[in-house]
Amino acid sequence: MQVVDRLGVELVPGEVRIRLDKAAGIVRAADAWAGAGFSDKAVEITLDIEQPLNEASTLLNAVSLINRITGR
């Protein structure tokens, strides 16, 4: 279990950051469209944040589960 625990500590924060950065980029693009007056396109683009946010959430849930299993 130590290997899994160590991998979680080493890999998950970076993986979460990658997904959150992707979501932030999507939101910046949507904000630009909204600022240009294209609210329908902004909403369409904003919906694209769902996948990276779900992936980040899943990674966090996995770390939480590992934490509970290892008794921390």
N, C-alpha and C. Protein backbone atom coordinates (compact mmCIF):
# COMPACT_ATOMS: atom_id res chain seq x y z
N MET A 1 0.82 -1.20 0.00
CA MET A 1 0.00 0.00 0.00
C MET A 1 0.86 1.26 0.00
N GLN A 2 2.10 1.16 0.49
CA GLN A 2 2.96 2.33 0.51
C GLN A 2 3.24 2.86 -0.89
N VAL A 3 3.37 1.97 -1.87
CA VAL A 3 3.63 2.41 -3.23
C VAL A 3 2.46 3.21 -3.76
N VAL A 4 1.25 2.71 -3.55
CA VAL A 4 0.05 3.43 -4.00
C VAL A 4 -0.06 4.76 -3.27
N ASP A 5 0.18 4.76 -1.99
CA ASP A 5 0.12 5.98 -1.19
C ASP A 5 1.12 7.00 -1.71
N ARG A 6 2.36 6.55 -1.94
CA ARG A 6 3.40 7.44 -2.43
C ARG A 6 3.08 7.98 -3.82
N LEU A 7 2.57 7.11 -4.70
CA LEU A 7 2.19 7.56 -6.03
C LEU A 7 1.09 8.62 -5.97
N GLY A 8 0.15 8.41 -5.05
CA GLY A 8 -0.92 9.40 -4.90
C GLY A 8 -0.37 10.75 -4.48
N VAL A 9 0.54 10.74 -3.55
CA VAL A 9 1.12 11.99 -3.06
C VAL A 9 1.93 12.67 -4.15
N GLU A 10 2.64 11.88 -4.95
CA GLU A 10 3.51 12.46 -5.97
C GLU A 10 2.76 12.87 -7.24
N LEU A 11 1.78 12.10 -7.63
CA LEU A 11 1.15 12.32 -8.93
C LEU A 11 -0.14 13.12 -8.89
N VAL A 12 -0.95 12.91 -7.91
CA VAL A 12 -2.30 13.49 -7.92
C VAL A 12 -2.30 15.02 -7.91
N PRO A 13 -1.51 15.69 -7.08
CA PRO A 13 -1.57 17.15 -7.12
C PRO A 13 -1.28 17.73 -8.51
N GLY A 14 -0.30 17.18 -9.19
CA GLY A 14 0.00 17.66 -10.54
C GLY A 14 -1.12 17.37 -11.52
N GLU A 15 -1.70 16.20 -11.40
CA GLU A 15 -2.82 15.83 -12.28
C GLU A 15 -4.04 16.71 -12.02
N VAL A 16 -4.31 17.00 -10.76
CA VAL A 16 -5.43 17.89 -10.43
C VAL A 16 -5.15 19.27 -11.00
N ARG A 17 -3.92 19.76 -10.84
CA ARG A 17 -3.56 21.08 -11.36
C ARG A 17 -3.76 21.16 -12.86
N ILE A 18 -3.35 20.13 -13.58
CA ILE A 18 -3.51 20.10 -15.04
C ILE A 18 -4.98 20.27 -15.41
N ARG A 19 -5.84 19.55 -14.72
CA ARG A 19 -7.27 19.62 -15.05
C ARG A 19 -7.88 20.97 -14.64
N LEU A 20 -7.46 21.49 -13.51
CA LEU A 20 -7.97 22.79 -13.10
C LEU A 20 -7.46 23.90 -14.01
N ASP A 21 -6.22 23.79 -14.47
CA ASP A 21 -5.69 24.76 -15.44
C ASP A 21 -6.48 24.72 -16.73
N LYS A 22 -6.83 23.52 -17.17
CA LYS A 22 -7.63 23.37 -18.38
C LYS A 22 -8.99 24.03 -18.20
N ALA A 23 -9.62 23.78 -17.05
CA ALA A 23 -10.93 24.39 -16.77
C ALA A 23 -10.80 25.91 -16.72
N ALA A 24 -9.74 26.41 -16.12
CA ALA A 24 -9.53 27.86 -16.04
C ALA A 24 -9.36 28.46 -17.43
N GLY A 25 -8.66 27.76 -18.31
CA GLY A 25 -8.51 28.24 -19.68
C GLY A 25 -9.84 28.30 -20.42
N ILE A 26 -10.65 27.31 -20.17
CA ILE A 26 -11.98 27.29 -20.79
C ILE A 26 -12.81 28.47 -20.29
N VAL A 27 -12.74 28.73 -19.01
CA VAL A 27 -13.50 29.85 -18.44
C VAL A 27 -12.99 31.18 -18.99
N ARG A 28 -11.67 31.32 -19.16
CA ARG A 28 -11.12 32.56 -19.74
C ARG A 28 -11.66 32.76 -21.16
N ALA A 29 -11.72 31.67 -21.93
CA ALA A 29 -12.26 31.77 -23.29
C ALA A 29 -13.73 32.16 -23.27
N ALA A 30 -14.49 31.55 -22.38
CA ALA A 30 -15.91 31.88 -22.27
C ALA A 30 -16.10 33.33 -21.87
N ASP A 31 -15.26 33.80 -20.96
CA ASP A 31 -15.33 35.19 -20.52
C ASP A 31 -15.05 36.15 -21.68
N ALA A 32 -14.09 35.79 -22.52
CA ALA A 32 -13.78 36.62 -23.69
C ALA A 32 -14.97 36.69 -24.64
N TRP A 33 -15.60 35.52 -24.88
CA TRP A 33 -16.77 35.52 -25.74
C TRP A 33 -17.90 36.37 -25.14
N ALA A 34 -18.10 36.23 -23.84
CA ALA A 34 -19.15 37.01 -23.18
C ALA A 34 -18.85 38.50 -23.27
N GLY A 35 -17.58 38.85 -23.06
CA GLY A 35 -17.18 40.25 -23.15
C GLY A 35 -17.36 40.84 -24.54
N ALA A 36 -17.30 39.98 -25.55
CA ALA A 36 -17.49 40.42 -26.93
C ALA A 36 -18.96 40.43 -27.32
N GLY A 37 -19.82 40.06 -26.37
CA GLY A 37 -21.25 40.11 -26.63
C GLY A 37 -21.86 38.83 -27.15
N PHE A 38 -21.11 37.75 -27.13
CA PHE A 38 -21.61 36.47 -27.64
C PHE A 38 -21.95 35.55 -26.46
N SER A 39 -23.03 35.87 -25.77
CA SER A 39 -23.38 35.13 -24.56
C SER A 39 -23.73 33.67 -24.83
N ASP A 40 -24.37 33.39 -25.95
CA ASP A 40 -24.70 31.99 -26.27
C ASP A 40 -23.44 31.15 -26.44
N LYS A 41 -22.45 31.69 -27.12
CA LYS A 41 -21.18 30.98 -27.30
C LYS A 41 -20.47 30.84 -25.95
N ALA A 42 -20.54 31.86 -25.11
CA ALA A 42 -19.92 31.80 -23.78
C ALA A 42 -20.51 30.67 -22.95
N VAL A 43 -21.82 30.52 -23.00
CA VAL A 43 -22.48 29.44 -22.25
C VAL A 43 -22.06 28.09 -22.81
N GLU A 44 -22.03 27.98 -24.14
CA GLU A 44 -21.63 26.72 -24.78
C GLU A 44 -20.21 26.33 -24.36
N ILE A 45 -19.30 27.26 -24.36
CA ILE A 45 -17.92 26.98 -23.98
C ILE A 45 -17.82 26.67 -22.49
N THR A 46 -18.56 27.38 -21.68
CA THR A 46 -18.52 27.16 -20.23
C THR A 46 -18.90 25.73 -19.88
N LEU A 47 -19.80 25.15 -20.63
CA LEU A 47 -20.21 23.77 -20.36
C LEU A 47 -19.06 22.78 -20.56
N ASP A 48 -18.03 23.18 -21.29
CA ASP A 48 -16.88 22.30 -21.52
C ASP A 48 -16.01 22.13 -20.27
N ILE A 49 -16.27 22.89 -19.22
CA ILE A 49 -15.46 22.72 -18.00
C ILE A 49 -15.88 21.48 -17.21
N GLU A 50 -17.01 20.92 -17.56
CA GLU A 50 -17.53 19.78 -16.79
C GLU A 50 -16.53 18.62 -16.74
N GLN A 51 -15.98 18.22 -17.87
CA GLN A 51 -15.09 17.06 -17.92
C GLN A 51 -13.83 17.25 -17.06
N PRO A 52 -13.07 18.34 -17.25
CA PRO A 52 -11.86 18.46 -16.42
C PRO A 52 -12.19 18.61 -14.93
N LEU A 53 -13.29 19.26 -14.60
CA LEU A 53 -13.66 19.38 -13.18
C LEU A 53 -14.07 18.03 -12.60
N ASN A 54 -14.79 17.23 -13.37
CA ASN A 54 -15.15 15.88 -12.90
C ASN A 54 -13.91 15.02 -12.70
N GLU A 55 -12.96 15.14 -13.62
CA GLU A 55 -11.72 14.37 -13.49
C GLU A 55 -10.94 14.80 -12.24
N ALA A 56 -10.86 16.10 -12.01
CA ALA A 56 -10.16 16.59 -10.81
C ALA A 56 -10.86 16.08 -9.55
N SER A 57 -12.17 16.11 -9.55
CA SER A 57 -12.94 15.62 -8.41
C SER A 57 -12.70 14.13 -8.18
N THR A 58 -12.66 13.36 -9.26
CA THR A 58 -12.42 11.92 -9.14
C THR A 58 -11.04 11.65 -8.55
N LEU A 59 -10.04 12.40 -8.99
CA LEU A 59 -8.69 12.24 -8.44
C LEU A 59 -8.67 12.57 -6.95
N LEU A 60 -9.36 13.64 -6.56
CA LEU A 60 -9.41 14.01 -5.15
C LEU A 60 -10.13 12.94 -4.33
N ASN A 61 -11.19 12.36 -4.90
CA ASN A 61 -11.89 11.28 -4.21
C ASN A 61 -10.99 10.06 -4.03
N ALA A 62 -10.17 9.77 -5.02
CA ALA A 62 -9.24 8.64 -4.92
C ALA A 62 -8.23 8.86 -3.81
N VAL A 63 -7.69 10.06 -3.72
CA VAL A 63 -6.73 10.38 -2.66
C VAL A 63 -7.40 10.28 -1.29
N SER A 64 -8.62 10.75 -1.22
CA SER A 64 -9.36 10.66 0.04
C SER A 64 -9.57 9.21 0.45
N LEU A 65 -9.91 8.36 -0.51
CA LEU A 65 -10.10 6.94 -0.23
C LEU A 65 -8.80 6.30 0.23
N ILE A 66 -7.72 6.59 -0.45
CA ILE A 66 -6.40 6.06 -0.05
C ILE A 66 -6.08 6.52 1.37
N ASN A 67 -6.37 7.76 1.67
CA ASN A 67 -6.13 8.30 3.00
C ASN A 67 -6.93 7.53 4.06
N ARG A 68 -8.19 7.24 3.77
CA ARG A 68 -9.02 6.50 4.73
C ARG A 68 -8.55 5.06 4.88
N ILE A 69 -8.18 4.44 3.77
CA ILE A 69 -7.72 3.04 3.83
C ILE A 69 -6.43 2.91 4.62
N THR A 70 -5.54 3.88 4.46
CA THR A 70 -4.25 3.79 5.16
C THR A 70 -4.35 4.28 6.59
N GLY A 71 -5.52 4.77 6.98
CA GLY A 71 -5.76 5.16 8.38
C GLY A 71 -5.14 6.48 8.79
N ARG A 72 -4.99 7.39 7.88
CA ARG A 72 -4.41 8.69 8.23
C ARG A 72 -5.45 9.64 8.71
